[in-house]
Amino acid sequence: MASLFIPNLNPVYQESRYFDARVDNKIPSEQYDEENAKEYYNNAEDILKWIAKKLKTSLC
């Protein structure tokens, strides 16, 4: 499941983390709107839930 979201989030992370990785030289507030931000946030949240679930099962 997480593998579905990671390819979408990786470029967003890199562009926001490393300013020289931006393709169009826009700052994040110019590049993403509220709808994009919510989608990326929800995807990241789903990944964190998936990781927490995997950690719980591996520790038992």
N, C-alpha and C. Protein backbone atom coordinates (compact mmCIF):
# COMPACT_ATOMS: atom_id res chain seq x y z
N MET A 1 0.81 -1.19 0.00
CA MET A 1 0.00 0.00 0.00
C MET A 1 0.86 1.26 0.00
N ALA A 2 1.82 1.32 0.88
CA ALA A 2 2.67 2.51 0.96
C ALA A 2 3.43 2.73 -0.35
N SER A 3 3.72 1.65 -1.05
CA SER A 3 4.47 1.79 -2.31
C SER A 3 3.67 2.55 -3.36
N LEU A 4 2.36 2.67 -3.17
CA LEU A 4 1.55 3.45 -4.11
C LEU A 4 1.76 4.95 -3.91
N PHE A 5 2.03 5.36 -2.68
CA PHE A 5 2.13 6.78 -2.36
C PHE A 5 3.56 7.32 -2.42
N ILE A 6 4.52 6.48 -2.12
CA ILE A 6 5.91 6.95 -2.02
C ILE A 6 6.41 7.59 -3.32
N PRO A 7 6.16 6.99 -4.48
CA PRO A 7 6.63 7.65 -5.72
C PRO A 7 6.04 9.05 -5.92
N ASN A 8 4.83 9.27 -5.43
CA ASN A 8 4.21 10.60 -5.55
C ASN A 8 4.80 11.59 -4.56
N LEU A 9 5.17 11.12 -3.39
CA LEU A 9 5.68 12.02 -2.36
C LEU A 9 7.16 12.33 -2.49
N ASN A 10 7.92 11.43 -3.06
CA ASN A 10 9.37 11.63 -3.12
C ASN A 10 9.78 12.92 -3.85
N PRO A 11 9.24 13.22 -5.02
CA PRO A 11 9.63 14.49 -5.66
C PRO A 11 9.20 15.71 -4.85
N VAL A 12 8.05 15.62 -4.20
CA VAL A 12 7.57 16.74 -3.38
C VAL A 12 8.52 16.97 -2.22
N TYR A 13 8.94 15.88 -1.58
CA TYR A 13 9.90 15.99 -0.48
C TYR A 13 11.20 16.62 -0.96
N GLN A 14 11.73 16.11 -2.04
CA GLN A 14 13.02 16.59 -2.52
C GLN A 14 12.97 18.06 -2.91
N GLU A 15 11.90 18.46 -3.59
CA GLU A 15 11.78 19.86 -3.99
C GLU A 15 11.62 20.80 -2.80
N SER A 16 10.93 20.34 -1.76
CA SER A 16 10.74 21.20 -0.60
C SER A 16 11.97 21.20 0.31
N ARG A 17 12.71 20.13 0.29
CA ARG A 17 13.89 19.99 1.17
C ARG A 17 15.15 20.59 0.55
N TYR A 18 15.31 20.37 -0.73
CA TYR A 18 16.51 20.82 -1.44
C TYR A 18 16.11 21.85 -2.49
N PHE A 19 16.34 23.12 -2.20
CA PHE A 19 15.88 24.18 -3.08
C PHE A 19 16.43 24.08 -4.49
N ASP A 20 17.61 23.52 -4.65
CA ASP A 20 18.19 23.41 -5.99
C ASP A 20 17.63 22.22 -6.79
N ALA A 21 16.74 21.44 -6.18
CA ALA A 21 16.12 20.32 -6.88
C ALA A 21 14.85 20.74 -7.62
N ARG A 22 14.42 21.96 -7.41
CA ARG A 22 13.20 22.45 -8.07
C ARG A 22 13.42 22.57 -9.57
N VAL A 23 12.45 22.09 -10.29
CA VAL A 23 12.54 22.12 -11.75
C VAL A 23 12.15 23.49 -12.29
N ASP A 24 11.11 24.08 -11.74
CA ASP A 24 10.60 25.33 -12.29
C ASP A 24 10.94 26.56 -11.45
N ASN A 25 11.77 26.40 -10.44
CA ASN A 25 12.23 27.49 -9.59
C ASN A 25 11.12 28.22 -8.84
N LYS A 26 9.98 27.57 -8.67
CA LYS A 26 8.91 28.16 -7.87
C LYS A 26 9.09 27.74 -6.42
N ILE A 27 8.72 28.62 -5.50
CA ILE A 27 8.73 28.23 -4.10
C ILE A 27 7.50 27.35 -3.85
N PRO A 28 7.55 26.48 -2.84
CA PRO A 28 6.44 25.54 -2.63
C PRO A 28 5.06 26.20 -2.52
N SER A 29 4.97 27.39 -1.92
CA SER A 29 3.66 28.03 -1.79
C SER A 29 3.10 28.46 -3.15
N GLU A 30 3.96 28.62 -4.14
CA GLU A 30 3.50 28.95 -5.49
C GLU A 30 3.25 27.69 -6.32
N GLN A 31 3.83 26.61 -5.92
CA GLN A 31 3.78 25.39 -6.70
C GLN A 31 2.58 24.50 -6.35
N TYR A 32 2.14 24.54 -5.09
CA TYR A 32 1.09 23.65 -4.63
C TYR A 32 -0.09 24.45 -4.09
N ASP A 33 -1.29 23.95 -4.37
CA ASP A 33 -2.47 24.58 -3.81
C ASP A 33 -2.97 23.74 -2.63
N GLU A 34 -4.05 24.18 -2.03
CA GLU A 34 -4.57 23.50 -0.84
C GLU A 34 -4.96 22.06 -1.14
N GLU A 35 -5.53 21.83 -2.28
CA GLU A 35 -5.95 20.48 -2.66
C GLU A 35 -4.74 19.54 -2.75
N ASN A 36 -3.65 20.00 -3.38
CA ASN A 36 -2.42 19.20 -3.45
C ASN A 36 -1.88 18.93 -2.06
N ALA A 37 -1.84 19.96 -1.24
CA ALA A 37 -1.29 19.82 0.10
C ALA A 37 -2.07 18.79 0.91
N LYS A 38 -3.38 18.84 0.83
CA LYS A 38 -4.21 17.86 1.56
C LYS A 38 -3.96 16.44 1.06
N GLU A 39 -3.85 16.30 -0.25
CA GLU A 39 -3.59 14.97 -0.83
C GLU A 39 -2.24 14.42 -0.35
N TYR A 40 -1.20 15.24 -0.40
CA TYR A 40 0.12 14.80 0.04
C TYR A 40 0.14 14.51 1.54
N TYR A 41 -0.54 15.34 2.30
CA TYR A 41 -0.62 15.14 3.75
C TYR A 41 -1.31 13.81 4.06
N ASN A 42 -2.43 13.55 3.41
CA ASN A 42 -3.17 12.30 3.64
C ASN A 42 -2.35 11.09 3.22
N ASN A 43 -1.63 11.20 2.11
CA ASN A 43 -0.77 10.10 1.67
C ASN A 43 0.33 9.83 2.69
N ALA A 44 0.95 10.90 3.18
CA ALA A 44 2.01 10.74 4.18
C ALA A 44 1.45 10.12 5.46
N GLU A 45 0.27 10.55 5.85
CA GLU A 45 -0.36 10.00 7.05
C GLU A 45 -0.64 8.51 6.88
N ASP A 46 -1.11 8.12 5.70
CA ASP A 46 -1.36 6.70 5.42
C ASP A 46 -0.07 5.88 5.49
N ILE A 47 1.01 6.44 4.98
CA ILE A 47 2.30 5.75 5.05
C ILE A 47 2.75 5.57 6.49
N LEU A 48 2.59 6.61 7.30
CA LEU A 48 2.98 6.51 8.72
C LEU A 48 2.14 5.48 9.46
N LYS A 49 0.86 5.42 9.15
CA LYS A 49 -0.01 4.39 9.77
C LYS A 49 0.43 2.99 9.35
N TRP A 50 0.78 2.84 8.08
CA TRP A 50 1.23 1.54 7.57
C TRP A 50 2.52 1.13 8.28
N ILE A 51 3.45 2.07 8.44
CA ILE A 51 4.71 1.79 9.14
C ILE A 51 4.45 1.39 10.58
N ALA A 52 3.59 2.13 11.27
CA ALA A 52 3.27 1.82 12.67
C ALA A 52 2.67 0.43 12.79
N LYS A 53 1.80 0.08 11.86
CA LYS A 53 1.20 -1.26 11.87
C LYS A 53 2.27 -2.34 11.67
N LYS A 54 3.18 -2.11 10.72
CA LYS A 54 4.24 -3.08 10.46
C LYS A 54 5.17 -3.22 11.67
N LEU A 55 5.45 -2.12 12.34
CA LEU A 55 6.31 -2.17 13.52
C LEU A 55 5.66 -2.96 14.66
N LYS A 56 4.36 -2.75 14.83
CA LYS A 56 3.65 -3.48 15.88
C LYS A 56 3.67 -4.98 15.62
N THR A 57 3.47 -5.39 14.38
CA THR A 57 3.45 -6.82 14.09
C THR A 57 4.83 -7.44 14.15
N SER A 58 5.85 -6.66 13.86
CA SER A 58 7.20 -7.21 13.88
C SER A 58 7.75 -7.30 15.31
N LEU A 59 7.21 -6.51 16.22
CA LEU A 59 7.67 -6.54 17.61
C LEU A 59 6.97 -7.62 18.44
N CYS A 60 5.88 -8.15 17.95
CA CYS A 60 5.13 -9.16 18.70
C CYS A 60 5.73 -10.53 18.57
